Every structure is written in structure tokens, then in C-alpha cells.
N, C-alpha and C. Protein backbone atom coordinates (compact mmCIF):
# COMPACT_ATOMS: atom_id res chain seq x y z
N MET A 1 125.33 80.45 148.87
CA MET A 1 126.43 79.75 149.81
C MET A 1 127.03 78.89 148.82
N ALA A 2 128.31 78.56 149.19
CA ALA A 2 129.29 77.67 148.29
C ALA A 2 128.81 76.26 148.33
N ARG A 3 129.22 75.68 147.09
CA ARG A 3 128.83 74.24 147.15
C ARG A 3 130.15 73.49 147.36
N VAL A 4 130.14 72.39 147.66
CA VAL A 4 131.35 71.82 148.08
C VAL A 4 131.48 70.55 147.04
N LEU A 5 132.66 70.54 146.45
CA LEU A 5 132.96 69.76 145.33
C LEU A 5 134.12 68.90 145.36
N TYR A 6 134.04 67.66 145.30
CA TYR A 6 135.35 66.79 145.31
C TYR A 6 135.51 66.22 144.13
N SER A 7 136.53 66.55 143.20
CA SER A 7 136.82 66.36 141.91
C SER A 7 138.29 65.83 142.00
N ALA A 8 138.31 64.68 140.97
CA ALA A 8 139.66 63.90 140.89
C ALA A 8 139.83 63.02 139.84
N SER A 9 140.67 62.75 139.24
CA SER A 9 141.07 61.72 138.26
C SER A 9 141.10 60.57 138.91
N MET A 10 140.65 59.44 138.36
CA MET A 10 140.53 57.90 139.00
C MET A 10 140.85 56.96 137.99
N SER A 11 141.65 56.10 138.44
CA SER A 11 141.73 54.90 137.50
C SER A 11 140.24 54.06 137.40
N LEU A 12 140.21 53.23 136.49
CA LEU A 12 138.86 52.33 136.35
C LEU A 12 138.78 51.61 137.54
N ASP A 13 139.76 51.31 138.28
CA ASP A 13 139.53 50.44 139.59
C ASP A 13 139.36 51.26 140.81
N GLY A 14 139.19 52.46 140.70
CA GLY A 14 138.98 53.21 141.89
C GLY A 14 140.06 54.00 142.77
N TYR A 15 141.13 54.08 141.91
CA TYR A 15 142.19 54.72 142.74
C TYR A 15 142.63 55.97 142.20
N ILE A 16 142.84 57.03 142.93
CA ILE A 16 143.29 58.24 142.85
C ILE A 16 144.52 58.58 142.75
N ALA A 17 145.39 57.72 143.75
CA ALA A 17 147.01 57.48 143.73
C ALA A 17 147.47 56.21 143.57
N GLY A 18 148.45 56.14 143.34
CA GLY A 18 149.15 54.90 143.53
C GLY A 18 149.49 54.46 144.90
N PRO A 19 150.24 53.43 144.99
CA PRO A 19 150.93 52.88 146.36
C PRO A 19 151.69 53.89 146.77
N GLY A 20 151.84 54.33 148.03
CA GLY A 20 152.55 55.52 148.72
C GLY A 20 151.98 56.94 148.21
N GLY A 21 151.11 57.11 147.78
CA GLY A 21 150.54 58.48 147.11
C GLY A 21 151.11 58.69 145.73
N ASP A 22 151.67 57.86 145.02
CA ASP A 22 152.41 58.17 143.79
C ASP A 22 151.15 58.54 142.70
N MET A 23 151.33 59.69 142.12
CA MET A 23 150.87 60.27 140.93
C MET A 23 151.14 60.21 139.61
N SER A 24 152.31 59.63 139.66
CA SER A 24 153.20 59.74 138.03
C SER A 24 152.21 58.91 137.26
N TRP A 25 151.40 57.76 137.65
CA TRP A 25 150.56 56.95 136.78
C TRP A 25 149.69 57.98 136.08
N LEU A 26 149.47 59.14 136.27
CA LEU A 26 148.44 60.13 135.68
C LEU A 26 149.02 60.71 134.48
N ALA A 27 150.32 60.96 134.74
CA ALA A 27 151.20 61.84 133.58
C ALA A 27 150.70 61.47 132.20
N PRO A 28 150.74 60.26 131.81
CA PRO A 28 150.38 60.04 130.40
C PRO A 28 148.89 60.20 129.82
N TYR A 29 148.10 60.51 130.96
CA TYR A 29 146.64 60.70 130.67
C TYR A 29 146.42 62.11 130.72
N LEU A 30 147.16 63.09 131.04
CA LEU A 30 146.78 64.47 131.41
C LEU A 30 146.79 65.15 129.99
N GLN A 31 145.67 65.78 129.69
CA GLN A 31 145.56 66.32 128.44
C GLN A 31 144.66 67.73 128.71
N HIS A 32 144.49 68.43 127.44
CA HIS A 32 143.74 69.73 127.78
C HIS A 32 142.20 69.32 127.86
N ASN A 33 141.43 69.69 128.84
CA ASN A 33 140.14 69.25 128.99
C ASN A 33 139.25 70.42 129.28
N PRO A 34 138.32 70.74 128.43
CA PRO A 34 137.66 71.82 128.36
C PRO A 34 136.64 71.98 129.65
N GLU A 35 136.16 70.71 130.00
CA GLU A 35 135.31 70.53 131.31
C GLU A 35 135.98 70.85 132.58
N ALA A 36 137.12 70.41 132.51
CA ALA A 36 138.16 70.81 133.84
C ALA A 36 138.28 72.17 133.64
N ASP A 37 138.78 72.72 132.87
CA ASP A 37 139.13 74.17 132.53
C ASP A 37 138.00 75.18 133.00
N ALA A 38 136.69 74.59 132.43
CA ALA A 38 135.85 75.40 132.87
C ALA A 38 135.38 75.16 134.68
N LEU A 39 135.47 74.29 135.17
CA LEU A 39 135.42 73.83 136.46
C LEU A 39 136.27 74.70 137.33
N ALA A 40 137.66 74.90 136.72
CA ALA A 40 138.53 76.00 137.38
C ALA A 40 137.98 77.31 137.69
N GLU A 41 137.15 77.82 136.51
CA GLU A 41 136.60 78.97 136.74
C GLU A 41 135.78 79.51 137.77
N GLN A 42 135.03 78.01 138.27
CA GLN A 42 133.93 78.09 139.20
C GLN A 42 134.34 77.97 140.42
N VAL A 43 135.65 77.57 140.87
CA VAL A 43 136.31 77.34 141.93
C VAL A 43 136.53 78.64 142.83
N GLY A 44 136.19 78.65 144.04
CA GLY A 44 136.41 80.23 144.69
C GLY A 44 137.55 79.75 145.89
N ALA A 45 137.58 78.67 146.22
CA ALA A 45 138.47 78.12 147.26
C ALA A 45 139.05 76.76 147.20
N LEU A 46 140.06 76.27 147.81
CA LEU A 46 140.42 74.97 147.88
C LEU A 46 140.58 74.47 149.34
N LEU A 47 139.88 73.29 149.61
CA LEU A 47 140.26 72.67 150.93
C LEU A 47 141.13 71.37 150.48
N ILE A 48 142.49 71.39 151.16
CA ILE A 48 143.17 70.57 150.83
C ILE A 48 143.80 69.68 151.95
N GLY A 49 144.08 68.57 151.58
CA GLY A 49 144.66 67.59 152.73
C GLY A 49 146.14 67.76 152.74
N HIS A 50 146.75 67.47 153.98
CA HIS A 50 148.26 68.05 153.84
C HIS A 50 149.13 66.96 153.39
N ARG A 51 148.86 65.46 153.10
CA ARG A 51 149.35 64.70 151.95
C ARG A 51 149.13 65.10 150.56
N THR A 52 147.99 65.53 150.36
CA THR A 52 147.88 66.12 148.81
C THR A 52 148.62 67.37 148.73
N PHE A 53 148.72 68.20 149.64
CA PHE A 53 149.50 69.33 149.56
C PHE A 53 150.91 69.20 149.30
N THR A 54 151.48 68.31 150.10
CA THR A 54 152.88 68.14 150.15
C THR A 54 153.11 66.81 149.09
N GLY A 55 152.17 66.38 148.45
CA GLY A 55 152.31 64.69 147.67
C GLY A 55 152.83 65.28 146.37
N ASP A 56 152.94 64.28 145.64
CA ASP A 56 153.43 64.07 144.09
C ASP A 56 152.42 64.72 143.17
N ASP A 57 152.62 65.73 142.64
CA ASP A 57 152.09 66.50 141.37
C ASP A 57 152.72 66.08 140.25
N PRO A 58 152.06 65.52 139.33
CA PRO A 58 152.15 64.70 138.11
C PRO A 58 152.77 65.55 137.26
N ASN A 59 152.47 67.02 137.34
CA ASN A 59 152.92 68.12 136.61
C ASN A 59 154.16 68.99 137.40
N SER A 60 154.69 68.36 138.28
CA SER A 60 155.66 68.87 138.94
C SER A 60 156.69 69.55 138.04
N GLY A 61 157.42 70.53 138.20
CA GLY A 61 158.46 71.00 137.68
C GLY A 61 157.99 71.61 136.10
N THR A 62 156.84 71.65 135.85
CA THR A 62 156.43 72.23 134.62
C THR A 62 155.43 73.28 134.86
N ASP A 63 155.30 74.17 133.78
CA ASP A 63 154.13 75.02 133.73
C ASP A 63 152.71 74.77 134.37
N ALA A 64 152.46 73.46 134.19
CA ALA A 64 151.03 72.97 134.72
C ALA A 64 150.99 72.73 136.22
N GLU A 65 152.18 72.87 136.98
CA GLU A 65 152.11 72.27 138.40
C GLU A 65 151.16 73.28 139.04
N GLY A 66 150.28 72.33 139.99
CA GLY A 66 149.17 72.94 140.89
C GLY A 66 147.93 72.54 140.37
N ALA A 67 146.92 72.92 141.06
CA ALA A 67 145.69 72.80 140.94
C ALA A 67 145.23 73.03 139.70
N PHE A 68 144.34 72.14 139.16
CA PHE A 68 143.78 72.23 137.69
C PHE A 68 144.79 72.68 136.67
N GLY A 69 145.64 72.01 136.72
CA GLY A 69 146.86 71.95 135.66
C GLY A 69 147.57 73.29 135.94
N GLY A 70 147.71 74.03 137.07
CA GLY A 70 148.33 75.09 137.15
C GLY A 70 147.53 76.50 136.93
N THR A 71 146.30 76.13 136.37
CA THR A 71 145.49 77.27 135.84
C THR A 71 144.85 78.04 136.96
N TRP A 72 144.55 77.45 138.08
CA TRP A 72 143.67 77.76 139.24
C TRP A 72 144.46 78.63 140.28
N SER A 73 144.12 80.07 140.74
CA SER A 73 144.79 80.34 141.85
C SER A 73 143.61 81.32 142.51
N GLY A 74 143.99 81.22 144.09
CA GLY A 74 143.25 81.72 145.12
C GLY A 74 143.31 81.32 146.23
N PRO A 75 142.35 81.33 147.15
CA PRO A 75 142.48 80.94 148.72
C PRO A 75 142.50 79.46 148.74
N GLN A 76 143.51 78.88 149.50
CA GLN A 76 143.77 77.51 149.87
C GLN A 76 143.90 77.16 151.19
N PHE A 77 143.08 76.40 151.59
CA PHE A 77 143.10 75.83 153.01
C PHE A 77 143.59 74.63 153.34
N VAL A 78 144.58 74.18 154.04
CA VAL A 78 145.23 73.08 153.98
C VAL A 78 145.01 72.59 155.65
N VAL A 79 144.44 71.42 155.74
CA VAL A 79 144.17 70.72 157.01
C VAL A 79 145.41 69.82 157.43
N THR A 80 145.85 70.22 158.57
CA THR A 80 147.36 69.66 159.11
C THR A 80 147.48 69.99 160.48
N HIS A 81 148.06 69.03 161.12
CA HIS A 81 148.49 69.35 162.43
C HIS A 81 149.81 69.63 162.65
N HIS A 82 150.52 69.83 161.42
CA HIS A 82 151.82 70.13 161.40
C HIS A 82 152.00 71.38 160.54
N PRO A 83 151.63 72.47 160.75
CA PRO A 83 152.13 73.86 159.57
C PRO A 83 153.61 73.77 159.44
N PRO A 84 153.87 74.38 158.43
CA PRO A 84 155.25 74.80 158.20
C PRO A 84 155.51 75.79 159.22
N ALA A 85 156.85 75.73 159.70
CA ALA A 85 157.45 76.78 160.74
C ALA A 85 157.46 78.28 159.94
N ASP A 86 157.74 78.14 158.79
CA ASP A 86 157.94 79.70 157.92
C ASP A 86 156.63 79.95 157.52
N GLY A 87 155.38 79.53 157.70
CA GLY A 87 153.98 80.32 157.44
C GLY A 87 153.58 79.50 156.15
N GLY A 88 154.45 79.05 155.34
CA GLY A 88 154.02 78.41 153.93
C GLY A 88 153.80 79.43 153.01
N PRO A 89 153.29 79.07 151.84
CA PRO A 89 153.31 80.06 150.69
C PRO A 89 152.19 81.16 150.81
N GLU A 90 152.39 81.94 150.10
CA GLU A 90 151.22 83.13 150.26
C GLU A 90 149.98 82.54 149.84
N GLY A 91 148.71 83.01 150.36
CA GLY A 91 147.53 82.34 150.03
C GLY A 91 146.99 81.24 150.50
N VAL A 92 148.02 80.67 151.27
CA VAL A 92 147.60 79.31 151.83
C VAL A 92 147.47 79.49 153.47
N GLU A 93 146.29 79.13 153.98
CA GLU A 93 146.34 79.12 155.17
C GLU A 93 146.00 77.51 155.75
N PHE A 94 146.73 77.37 157.07
CA PHE A 94 146.82 75.97 157.56
C PHE A 94 145.90 76.02 158.75
N VAL A 95 145.08 74.94 158.80
CA VAL A 95 143.92 74.79 159.92
C VAL A 95 144.03 73.33 160.18
N ALA A 96 143.90 73.06 161.46
CA ALA A 96 143.87 71.93 162.47
C ALA A 96 142.78 70.97 162.23
N ASP A 97 141.58 71.50 161.59
CA ASP A 97 140.40 70.78 161.54
C ASP A 97 139.53 70.98 160.29
N VAL A 98 139.09 69.86 159.87
CA VAL A 98 138.23 69.87 158.40
C VAL A 98 137.17 70.77 158.80
N ALA A 99 136.25 70.94 159.54
CA ALA A 99 135.21 71.67 159.76
C ALA A 99 135.57 73.12 159.85
N VAL A 100 136.38 73.51 160.45
CA VAL A 100 136.87 74.89 160.63
C VAL A 100 137.48 75.49 159.19
N GLY A 101 138.29 74.57 158.50
CA GLY A 101 138.74 74.64 157.24
C GLY A 101 137.69 74.69 156.19
N LEU A 102 136.66 73.99 156.33
CA LEU A 102 135.64 74.21 155.33
C LEU A 102 134.63 75.46 155.50
N ASP A 103 134.57 75.82 156.66
CA ASP A 103 133.95 77.13 157.06
C ASP A 103 134.82 78.42 156.37
N ARG A 104 135.93 78.19 156.59
CA ARG A 104 136.77 79.34 155.97
C ARG A 104 136.69 79.07 154.52
N ALA A 105 137.00 78.05 154.03
CA ALA A 105 136.81 77.68 152.48
C ALA A 105 135.57 78.26 152.10
N GLU A 106 134.43 78.07 152.63
CA GLU A 106 133.20 78.32 152.15
C GLU A 106 132.86 79.76 152.02
N GLU A 107 133.49 80.56 153.19
CA GLU A 107 133.31 81.93 153.25
C GLU A 107 134.13 82.59 152.31
N ALA A 108 135.40 82.13 151.79
CA ALA A 108 136.11 82.59 150.90
C ALA A 108 135.78 82.17 149.75
N ALA A 109 134.98 81.29 149.47
CA ALA A 109 134.45 81.09 147.82
C ALA A 109 133.21 81.70 147.60
N LYS A 110 132.60 82.12 148.76
CA LYS A 110 131.21 82.79 148.66
C LYS A 110 130.20 82.02 147.92
N HIS A 111 129.92 82.47 146.63
CA HIS A 111 128.59 81.46 145.80
C HIS A 111 129.52 80.81 144.83
N ARG A 112 130.62 80.32 144.87
CA ARG A 112 131.60 79.53 144.06
C ARG A 112 131.65 78.18 144.75
N TYR A 113 132.39 77.45 143.97
CA TYR A 113 132.71 76.31 144.48
C TYR A 113 133.73 76.37 145.46
N VAL A 114 133.79 75.47 146.64
CA VAL A 114 134.84 74.83 147.46
C VAL A 114 135.20 73.58 146.92
N ALA A 115 136.69 73.58 146.22
CA ALA A 115 137.16 72.24 145.59
C ALA A 115 137.83 71.34 146.69
N ILE A 116 137.47 70.28 146.90
CA ILE A 116 138.26 69.28 147.77
C ILE A 116 139.26 68.63 147.01
N LEU A 117 140.39 68.70 147.79
CA LEU A 117 141.78 67.86 147.06
C LEU A 117 142.17 67.00 148.04
N GLY A 118 142.14 65.77 147.92
CA GLY A 118 142.35 64.85 148.80
C GLY A 118 141.41 64.01 149.46
N ALA A 119 141.33 62.48 149.21
CA ALA A 119 140.43 61.67 149.42
C ALA A 119 140.05 61.52 150.90
N ASP A 120 141.08 61.60 152.05
CA ASP A 120 140.52 61.64 153.14
C ASP A 120 139.79 62.90 153.73
N ILE A 121 140.11 64.17 153.06
CA ILE A 121 139.38 65.28 153.48
C ILE A 121 137.90 65.23 152.78
N ALA A 122 137.85 64.57 151.45
CA ALA A 122 136.49 64.44 150.98
C ALA A 122 135.67 63.55 151.97
N ARG A 123 136.40 62.29 152.37
CA ARG A 123 135.62 61.54 153.16
C ARG A 123 135.24 62.01 154.59
N GLN A 124 135.90 63.04 155.11
CA GLN A 124 135.54 63.74 156.39
C GLN A 124 134.48 64.75 156.01
N CYS A 125 134.42 65.31 154.93
CA CYS A 125 133.50 66.29 154.49
C CYS A 125 132.11 65.46 154.14
N LEU A 126 132.34 64.18 153.52
CA LEU A 126 130.95 63.61 153.41
C LEU A 126 130.26 63.27 154.95
N ALA A 127 131.32 62.70 155.89
CA ALA A 127 130.75 62.37 157.12
C ALA A 127 130.35 63.55 158.04
N LEU A 128 130.58 64.63 157.48
CA LEU A 128 130.10 65.80 158.12
C LEU A 128 128.75 66.21 157.57
N GLY A 129 128.38 65.62 156.43
CA GLY A 129 127.24 65.95 155.64
C GLY A 129 127.31 67.42 154.74
N ARG A 130 128.55 67.47 154.44
CA ARG A 130 128.78 69.00 153.80
C ARG A 130 129.53 68.89 152.55
N LEU A 131 129.51 67.61 151.88
CA LEU A 131 129.89 67.26 150.76
C LEU A 131 128.79 67.13 149.70
N HIS A 132 128.69 68.13 148.60
CA HIS A 132 127.41 68.15 147.76
C HIS A 132 127.60 67.41 146.63
N GLU A 133 128.93 67.32 145.83
CA GLU A 133 129.03 66.87 144.66
C GLU A 133 130.28 66.18 144.31
N VAL A 134 130.44 65.44 143.46
CA VAL A 134 131.66 64.52 143.19
C VAL A 134 131.69 64.54 141.62
N LEU A 135 132.87 64.99 141.12
CA LEU A 135 133.14 64.98 139.67
C LEU A 135 134.22 64.13 139.50
N VAL A 136 134.43 63.13 138.65
CA VAL A 136 135.52 61.87 138.72
C VAL A 136 135.77 61.98 137.06
N PHE A 137 136.82 62.11 136.89
CA PHE A 137 137.46 61.94 135.62
C PHE A 137 138.23 60.50 135.49
N ILE A 138 137.69 59.44 134.83
CA ILE A 138 137.90 58.21 134.96
C ILE A 138 138.94 58.00 133.64
N GLU A 139 139.97 57.48 134.02
CA GLU A 139 141.04 57.40 133.07
C GLU A 139 141.34 55.73 132.84
N PRO A 140 141.70 55.46 131.65
CA PRO A 140 141.98 54.02 130.99
C PRO A 140 142.88 53.27 131.63
N VAL A 141 143.04 53.17 133.07
CA VAL A 141 143.99 52.30 133.60
C VAL A 141 143.59 51.73 134.47
N LEU A 142 144.07 50.22 134.94
CA LEU A 142 143.83 49.78 136.35
C LEU A 142 145.05 49.84 137.09
N LEU A 143 145.27 50.32 138.35
CA LEU A 143 146.25 50.52 139.33
C LEU A 143 146.45 49.20 140.15
N GLY A 144 145.40 48.65 140.76
CA GLY A 144 145.33 47.52 141.45
C GLY A 144 145.71 47.75 143.02
N ALA A 145 146.06 49.14 143.32
CA ALA A 145 146.53 49.32 144.80
C ALA A 145 146.46 50.81 144.92
N GLY A 146 146.49 51.46 145.89
CA GLY A 146 146.78 52.88 146.13
C GLY A 146 145.52 53.45 147.13
N THR A 147 145.32 54.87 146.90
CA THR A 147 144.49 55.57 147.45
C THR A 147 143.00 55.55 146.65
N ARG A 148 142.02 55.28 147.28
CA ARG A 148 140.66 55.11 146.74
C ARG A 148 139.99 56.31 146.40
N LEU A 149 139.13 56.57 145.51
CA LEU A 149 138.50 57.76 145.24
C LEU A 149 137.88 58.12 146.76
N LEU A 150 137.02 57.26 147.56
CA LEU A 150 136.37 57.42 148.67
C LEU A 150 136.43 56.09 149.44
N ASP A 151 137.12 55.94 150.47
CA ASP A 151 137.10 54.82 151.13
C ASP A 151 136.16 55.09 152.54
N ILE A 152 135.24 54.47 152.53
CA ILE A 152 134.16 54.72 153.53
C ILE A 152 133.95 53.55 154.30
N PRO A 153 134.51 53.19 155.59
CA PRO A 153 134.30 52.24 156.39
C PRO A 153 133.07 51.81 156.86
N GLY A 154 132.68 50.41 156.92
CA GLY A 154 131.46 50.19 157.41
C GLY A 154 130.44 49.95 156.43
N GLY A 155 130.82 50.01 154.84
CA GLY A 155 129.70 49.65 154.00
C GLY A 155 128.54 50.68 153.98
N THR A 156 128.95 51.97 154.22
CA THR A 156 127.66 52.83 154.42
C THR A 156 127.17 53.26 152.95
N ASN A 157 125.74 53.16 152.68
CA ASN A 157 125.34 53.41 151.42
C ASN A 157 125.25 55.09 151.27
N ILE A 158 125.79 55.59 150.22
CA ILE A 158 125.57 57.02 150.21
C ILE A 158 124.66 57.13 148.58
N ALA A 159 123.52 57.68 148.74
CA ALA A 159 122.91 57.71 147.47
C ALA A 159 123.23 58.99 146.62
N LEU A 160 123.34 58.81 145.31
CA LEU A 160 123.97 59.66 144.32
C LEU A 160 123.13 59.84 143.15
N ARG A 161 123.01 61.02 142.48
CA ARG A 161 122.13 61.23 141.38
C ARG A 161 123.13 61.82 140.39
N ARG A 162 123.18 61.07 139.13
CA ARG A 162 124.11 61.56 138.12
C ARG A 162 123.62 63.04 137.56
N ARG A 163 124.47 63.84 137.61
CA ARG A 163 124.11 65.21 137.16
C ARG A 163 124.52 65.23 135.57
N ALA A 164 125.72 64.68 135.16
CA ALA A 164 126.25 64.76 133.61
C ALA A 164 127.26 63.56 133.52
N ALA A 165 127.24 63.36 132.41
CA ALA A 165 128.37 62.44 131.96
C ALA A 165 128.84 62.84 130.70
N SER A 166 130.19 62.70 130.53
CA SER A 166 130.80 63.33 129.21
C SER A 166 132.04 62.35 128.88
N HIS A 167 132.73 62.72 127.63
CA HIS A 167 133.60 61.69 127.23
C HIS A 167 134.47 63.08 126.44
N HIS A 168 135.73 62.99 126.57
CA HIS A 168 136.81 63.73 126.20
C HIS A 168 137.97 63.02 125.96
N GLY A 169 138.34 62.91 124.74
CA GLY A 169 139.67 61.97 124.47
C GLY A 169 139.32 60.65 125.06
N HIS A 170 140.22 60.30 125.78
CA HIS A 170 140.49 59.04 126.39
C HIS A 170 139.68 58.64 127.77
N GLU A 171 139.20 59.94 128.38
CA GLU A 171 138.56 59.87 129.56
C GLU A 171 137.07 60.08 129.61
N THR A 172 136.45 59.40 130.41
CA THR A 172 135.12 59.80 130.72
C THR A 172 134.83 60.53 132.02
N ALA A 173 134.11 61.50 132.14
CA ALA A 173 133.89 62.39 133.28
C ALA A 173 132.40 61.98 133.80
N LEU A 174 132.26 61.68 135.15
CA LEU A 174 131.07 61.62 135.66
C LEU A 174 130.81 62.50 136.96
N TRP A 175 129.70 63.40 136.71
CA TRP A 175 129.48 64.41 137.66
C TRP A 175 128.15 63.83 138.61
N MET A 176 128.27 64.01 139.67
CA MET A 176 127.20 63.07 140.56
C MET A 176 126.69 64.09 141.87
N ASP A 177 125.44 64.26 142.13
CA ASP A 177 125.24 65.07 143.21
C ASP A 177 125.00 64.18 144.34
N ILE A 178 125.32 64.56 145.28
CA ILE A 178 124.98 63.62 146.78
C ILE A 178 123.61 63.95 147.41
N LEU A 179 122.79 62.92 147.59
CA LEU A 179 121.54 63.09 147.92
C LEU A 179 121.49 63.11 149.27
N PRO A 180 120.43 63.93 149.96
CA PRO A 180 120.50 64.06 151.29
C PRO A 180 119.85 62.91 151.90
């Protein structure tokens, strides 16, 4: 069965996007990363939030635009209550419910990863008990405001176990398993 992974680049103070969803902060930190490249090869499907799907890609307008720096292709499931009238891009399915989207993404991924793109979708998968792993690339910057990696209301404690930690260039990667 597919494993569900939330992977994101994050500022040291815990933000994956600046105010208003701005991703331009990330552009100076983008570089070739063998760990991220290897991960892209293990992903079988994406589950994406609407804001992330229509949002600001720091690689917009370049050959690196898209998931995993433009290197990944495959089935994508976008959670939204407002799908485009034209049906959207090829290979993208729009679903109105996170659980339904996750079911379809897991089926499409088979024994590979379902990669979550979007903080709110990751939070909802966690609340459903269906998020298994978190991989965070910590960048050397403080944003001060924006979208948090995971904003869990109510102060809930979620136990994690470190799977791996690595350094590449300026960033530190932490890969964590979510404990039952």
C-alpha cells in the first residue's frame, strides 16, 4: 500500500510560504538536491490543495516549474470545491473531499508514495490518521509570517520519530515518521 508523505521547504521559523502564499522567498535557496531528486522517483501520485495548485511557484516560467522542480510527472489529485470549467490540465483530477482524493491517490500510487502538496491538505490527512511521514527541507531564512508547515489547532501533540537527517549545501533535511 502507498505511504503518504508531506514534503516541503520551510524557513527556520516554520513557514512554507510567506504572507498571502508568496513563494518567492524560496527562489534564492533552490539548488540541485540529490535527496529531493531521489524522492521524486519514489512518488506515484500527488494530492494537492487548491491554493497550492493555483499558487505561486518559485520556478514559474522556467524549465523547473512544477512539482519537484519540474522533474516529476504522473497522476495529480487536486482538492477543491471549484474545479475549472474546462476540466483542467491533462493528468489532473479534481475532487471535493480530502479522503476521496487520498483514496484515489493511494490507488494510483500503488506501492509508491503519495506526496502531499499544501499545508492544509497535510493537516487534514494528519487529522484523518493517514499521514505517515514528513520530510522538511529547512532553509536558512526567517520569514516571520505566512503559512506554517503544519498548523494544528488545540495544541495537539503528535509523536514523531526521526528517520533521517542530512545536510546539502545550505539546507538541512529532516525526515520523520509519524507514530501511531
